[in-house]
C-alpha atoms as a PDB file:
ATOM      1  CA  MET A   1    -104.083  58.110-104.450  1.00  0.00           C
ATOM      2  CA  VAL A   2    -101.921  60.946-105.725  1.00  0.00           C
ATOM      3  CA  ASP A   3    -102.523  64.335-104.170  1.00  0.00           C
ATOM      4  CA  PRO A   4    -103.256  66.812-107.014  1.00  0.00           C
ATOM      5  CA  ALA A   5    -101.630  69.631-105.025  1.00  0.00           C
ATOM      6  CA  VAL A   6     -98.353  67.718-104.805  1.00  0.00           C
ATOM      7  CA  GLN A   7     -98.532  66.687-108.439  1.00  0.00           C
ATOM      8  CA  SER A   8     -98.942  70.325-109.454  1.00  0.00           C
ATOM      9  CA  LYS A   9     -95.854  71.241-107.377  1.00  0.00           C
ATOM     10  CA  VAL A  10     -93.607  68.801-109.231  1.00  0.00           C
ATOM     11  CA  LYS A  11     -95.074  69.388-112.685  1.00  0.00           C
ATOM     12  CA  ALA A  12     -93.379  72.708-113.512  1.00  0.00           C
ATOM     13  CA  PRO A  13     -89.796  71.741-112.528  1.00  0.00           C
ATOM     14  CA  ALA A  14     -90.260  68.346-114.213  1.00  0.00           C
ATOM     15  CA  ILE A  15     -91.390  69.980-117.452  1.00  0.00           C
ATOM     16  CA  ALA A  16     -88.471  72.425-117.224  1.00  0.00           C
ATOM     17  CA  LEU A  17     -86.042  69.492-116.902  1.00  0.00           C
ATOM     18  CA  LEU A  18     -87.732  67.715-119.792  1.00  0.00           C
ATOM     19  CA  VAL A  19     -87.444  70.736-122.087  1.00  0.00           C
ATOM     20  CA  LEU A  20     -83.836  71.229-120.989  1.00  0.00           C
ATOM     21  CA  ALA A  21     -83.098  67.574-121.771  1.00  0.00           C
ATOM     22  CA  ALA A  22     -84.532  67.970-125.272  1.00  0.00           C
ATOM     23  CA  LEU A  23     -82.464  71.107-125.883  1.00  0.00           C
ATOM     24  CA  GLY A  24     -79.353  69.471-124.437  1.00  0.00           C
ATOM     25  CA  GLU A  25     -79.750  66.365-126.572  1.00  0.00           C
ATOM     26  CA  ALA A  26     -80.244  68.494-129.686  1.00  0.00           C
ATOM     27  CA  ALA A  27     -77.142  70.543-128.828  1.00  0.00           C
ATOM     28  CA  SER A  28     -75.172  67.334-128.304  1.00  0.00           C
ATOM     29  CA  LEU A  29     -76.199  66.013-131.697  1.00  0.00           C
ATOM     30  CA  VAL A  30     -75.292  69.318-133.351  1.00  0.00           C
ATOM     31  CA  GLY A  31     -71.918  69.306-131.582  1.00  0.00           C
ATOM     32  CA  LEU A  32     -71.207  65.763-132.693  1.00  0.00           C
ATOM     33  CA  ALA A  33     -72.235  66.533-136.268  1.00  0.00           C
ATOM     34  CA  SER A  34     -70.212  69.748-136.414  1.00  0.00           C
ATOM     35  CA  SER A  35     -67.182  67.885-135.129  1.00  0.00           C
ATOM     36  CA  ALA A  36     -67.520  65.348-137.930  1.00  0.00           C
ATOM     37  CA  VAL A  37     -68.182  68.006-140.584  1.00  0.00           C
ATOM     38  CA  SER A  38     -65.251  70.195-139.521  1.00  0.00           C
ATOM     39  CA  SER A  39     -62.977  67.168-139.537  1.00  0.00           C
ATOM     40  CA  ALA A  40     -64.031  66.338-143.092  1.00  0.00           C
ATOM     41  CA  MET A  41     -63.864  69.943-144.311  1.00  0.00           C
ATOM     42  CA  PHE A  42     -60.604  71.015-142.791  1.00  0.00           C
ATOM     43  CA  GLY A  43     -58.687  67.736-142.854  1.00  0.00           C
ATOM     44  CA  ASP A  44     -57.392  68.441-146.361  1.00  0.00           C
ATOM     45  CA  VAL A  45     -56.417  72.011-145.457  1.00  0.00           C
ATOM     46  CA  LEU A  46     -54.423  70.803-142.474  1.00  0.00           C
ATOM     47  CA  GLN A  47     -52.738  68.121-144.586  1.00  0.00           C
ATOM     48  CA  GLN A  48     -51.704  70.713-147.175  1.00  0.00           C
ATOM     49  CA  MET A  49     -50.304  72.977-144.462  1.00  0.00           C
ATOM     50  CA  ARG A  50     -48.270  70.073-143.070  1.00  0.00           C
ATOM     51  CA  GLU A  51     -46.957  69.204-146.538  1.00  0.00           C
ATOM     52  CA  ARG A  52     -45.781  72.798-146.997  1.00  0.00           C
ATOM     53  CA  GLY A  53     -43.963  72.541-143.676  1.00  0.00           C
ATOM     54  CA  GLU A  54     -46.071  75.203-141.990  1.00  0.00           C
ATOM     55  CA  GLU A  55     -46.217  75.096-138.229  1.00  0.00           C
ATOM     56  CA  ILE A  56     -49.768  74.684-136.990  1.00  0.00           C
ATOM     57  CA  PRO A  57     -50.508  75.735-133.406  1.00  0.00           C
ATOM     58  CA  PRO A  58     -52.035  72.799-131.481  1.00  0.00           C
ATOM     59  CA  PHE A  59     -55.218  74.707-130.547  1.00  0.00           C
ATOM     60  CA  LEU A  60     -55.799  75.569-134.224  1.00  0.00           C
ATOM     61  CA  GLU A  61     -55.215  71.997-135.309  1.00  0.00           C
ATOM     62  CA  ASP A  62     -57.683  70.725-132.694  1.00  0.00           C
ATOM     63  CA  MET A  63     -60.237  73.336-133.670  1.00  0.00           C
ATOM     64  CA  LEU A  64     -59.967  72.696-137.413  1.00  0.00           C
ATOM     65  CA  SER A  65     -59.769  68.931-137.212  1.00  0.00           C
ATOM     66  CA  GLY A  66     -62.756  68.699-134.875  1.00  0.00           C
ATOM     67  CA  SER A  67     -60.832  66.218-132.781  1.00  0.00           C
ATOM     68  CA  SER A  68     -60.014  68.074-129.611  1.00  0.00           C
ATOM     69  CA  THR A  69     -59.136  65.840-126.710  1.00  0.00           C
ATOM     70  CA  LEU A  70     -62.439  66.579-124.966  1.00  0.00           C
ATOM     71  CA  GLY A  71     -64.790  67.222-127.881  1.00  0.00           C
ATOM     72  CA  LEU A  72     -65.823  63.712-128.842  1.00  0.00           C
ATOM     73  CA  PRO A  73     -65.869  62.205-125.324  1.00  0.00           C
ATOM     74  CA  LEU A  74     -67.878  65.173-124.055  1.00  0.00           C
ATOM     75  CA  ALA A  75     -70.380  64.854-126.893  1.00  0.00           C
ATOM     76  CA  ILE A  76     -70.811  61.135-126.147  1.00  0.00           C
ATOM     77  CA  PHE A  77     -71.170  61.864-122.414  1.00  0.00           C
ATOM     78  CA  ASN A  78     -73.866  64.448-123.157  1.00  0.00           C
ATOM     79  CA  LEU A  79     -75.700  62.088-125.510  1.00  0.00           C
ATOM     80  CA  CYS A  80     -75.984  59.658-122.566  1.00  0.00           C
ATOM     81  CA  LEU A  81     -76.670  62.303-119.913  1.00  0.00           C
ATOM     82  CA  TRP A  82     -79.738  64.026-121.356  1.00  0.00           C
ATOM     83  CA  PRO A  83     -81.886  60.893-121.734  1.00  0.00           C
ATOM     84  CA  LEU A  84     -81.269  60.247-118.017  1.00  0.00           C
ATOM     85  CA  VAL A  85     -82.502  63.759-117.245  1.00  0.00           C
ATOM     86  CA  ALA A  86     -85.563  63.251-119.466  1.00  0.00           C
ATOM     87  CA  PHE A  87     -86.428  59.898-117.889  1.00  0.00           C
ATOM     88  CA  GLY A  88     -86.010  61.352-114.392  1.00  0.00           C
ATOM     89  CA  ALA A  89     -88.277  64.264-115.301  1.00  0.00           C
ATOM     90  CA  ILE A  90     -90.965  61.888-116.537  1.00  0.00           C
ATOM     91  CA  ARG A  91     -90.705  59.841-113.335  1.00  0.00           C
ATOM     92  CA  MET A  92     -90.915  63.064-111.333  1.00  0.00           C
ATOM     93  CA  MET A  93     -94.244  63.898-112.978  1.00  0.00           C
ATOM     94  CA  GLN A  94     -95.430  60.382-112.092  1.00  0.00           C
ATOM     95  CA  LEU A  95     -94.202  60.763-108.480  1.00  0.00           C
ATOM     96  CA  ARG A  96     -92.115  57.610-108.822  1.00  0.00           C
ATOM     97  CA  SER A  97     -88.424  56.768-108.291  1.00  0.00           C
ATOM     98  CA  ARG A  98     -87.413  59.760-106.154  1.00  0.00           C
ATOM     99  CA  GLY A  99     -83.753  58.696-106.197  1.00  0.00           C
ATOM    100  CA  LEU A 100     -83.735  58.712-109.994  1.00  0.00           C
ATOM    101  CA  CYS A 101     -85.432  62.119-109.972  1.00  0.00           C
ATOM    102  CA  ILE A 102     -82.705  63.481-107.692  1.00  0.00           C
ATOM    103  CA  ALA A 103     -80.011  61.971-109.936  1.00  0.00           C
ATOM    104  CA  ALA A 104     -81.630  63.593-112.979  1.00  0.00           C
ATOM    105  CA  ALA A 105     -81.762  66.994-111.265  1.00  0.00           C
ATOM    106  CA  VAL A 106     -78.088  66.727-110.308  1.00  0.00           C
ATOM    107  CA  ALA A 107     -77.158  65.542-113.815  1.00  0.00           C
ATOM    108  CA  ALA A 108     -78.899  68.585-115.303  1.00  0.00           C
ATOM    109  CA  MET A 109     -76.589  70.799-113.247  1.00  0.00           C
ATOM    110  CA  ILE A 110     -73.374  69.363-114.744  1.00  0.00           C
ATOM    111  CA  PRO A 111     -71.921  72.269-116.750  1.00  0.00           C
ATOM    112  CA  THR A 112     -71.016  70.555-120.013  1.00  0.00           C
ATOM    113  CA  GLN A 113     -72.932  72.592-122.580  1.00  0.00           C
ATOM    114  CA  CYS A 114     -74.314  75.963-123.472  1.00  0.00           C
ATOM    115  CA  CYS A 115     -77.462  75.398-121.402  1.00  0.00           C
ATOM    116  CA  CYS A 116     -75.549  74.880-118.159  1.00  0.00           C
ATOM    117  CA  GLY A 117     -76.967  78.068-116.585  1.00  0.00           C
ATOM    118  CA  LEU A 118     -80.488  76.813-117.126  1.00  0.00           C
ATOM    119  CA  GLY A 119     -79.452  73.355-115.962  1.00  0.00           C
ATOM    120  CA  ILE A 120     -78.181  74.719-112.664  1.00  0.00           C
ATOM    121  CA  ALA A 121     -81.329  76.780-112.114  1.00  0.00           C
ATOM    122  CA  PHE A 122     -83.760  74.017-113.081  1.00  0.00           C
ATOM    123  CA  GLY A 123     -81.783  71.383-111.200  1.00  0.00           C
ATOM    124  CA  ILE A 124     -81.833  73.399-107.986  1.00  0.00           C
ATOM    125  CA  TRP A 125     -85.544  74.091-108.450  1.00  0.00           C
ATOM    126  CA  ALA A 126     -86.223  70.360-108.903  1.00  0.00           C
ATOM    127  CA  LEU A 127     -84.091  69.422-105.876  1.00  0.00           C
ATOM    128  CA  LEU A 128     -85.833  71.961-103.677  1.00  0.00           C
ATOM    129  CA  THR A 129     -89.200  70.668-104.824  1.00  0.00           C
ATOM    130  CA  LEU A 130     -88.219  67.022-104.328  1.00  0.00           C
ATOM    131  CA  ASN A 131     -87.087  67.735-100.768  1.00  0.00           C
ATOM    132  CA  ARG A 132     -90.366  69.265 -99.619  1.00  0.00           C
ATOM    133  CA  ASP A 133     -92.025  67.156 -96.938  1.00  0.00           C
ATOM    134  CA  ASP A 134     -95.321  66.750 -98.795  1.00  0.00           C
ATOM    135  CA  VAL A 135     -93.530  65.758-102.016  1.00  0.00           C
ATOM    136  CA  ARG A 136     -91.350  63.230-100.184  1.00  0.00           C
ATOM    137  CA  ALA A 137     -94.504  61.757 -98.651  1.00  0.00           C
ATOM    138  CA  ALA A 138     -96.120  61.478-102.080  1.00  0.00           C
ATOM    139  CA  PHE A 139     -93.109  59.447-103.238  1.00  0.00           C
ATOM    140  CA  GLY A 140     -93.666  57.186-100.248  1.00  0.00           C
ATOM    141  CA  GLU A 141     -90.764  58.548 -98.178  1.00  0.00           C
ATOM    142  CA  SER A 142     -90.780  60.517 -94.973  1.00  0.00           C
END
């Protein structure tokens, strides 16, 4: 039998992680799409500048081509990260898989996007909640 008092303690941080995961996933999709769009839009401009023999600073070329060395891998990493956070948040509300819940809270704190400040705050909140004695007991741990 699940203690309603414990379930109410984990509900708010779990919902916060779930909302954060939705925002993070949306931001990842926008970042991936903008990378593809900027590559298509500015590829011709960069090619024309090269043909004219103009020197293009590397940071400008990365920015305009949408192919910075970290942009695409980071977007793919984020697309995989946020579903983990969402699944962990759902399991947290169910008081199941405490290890997964802890992993999700830690994953939310990885500063890879614009919501990293919220991720750190919500992740710490979730970790503190998950480490309470009564919550650990509800997960079946002591």
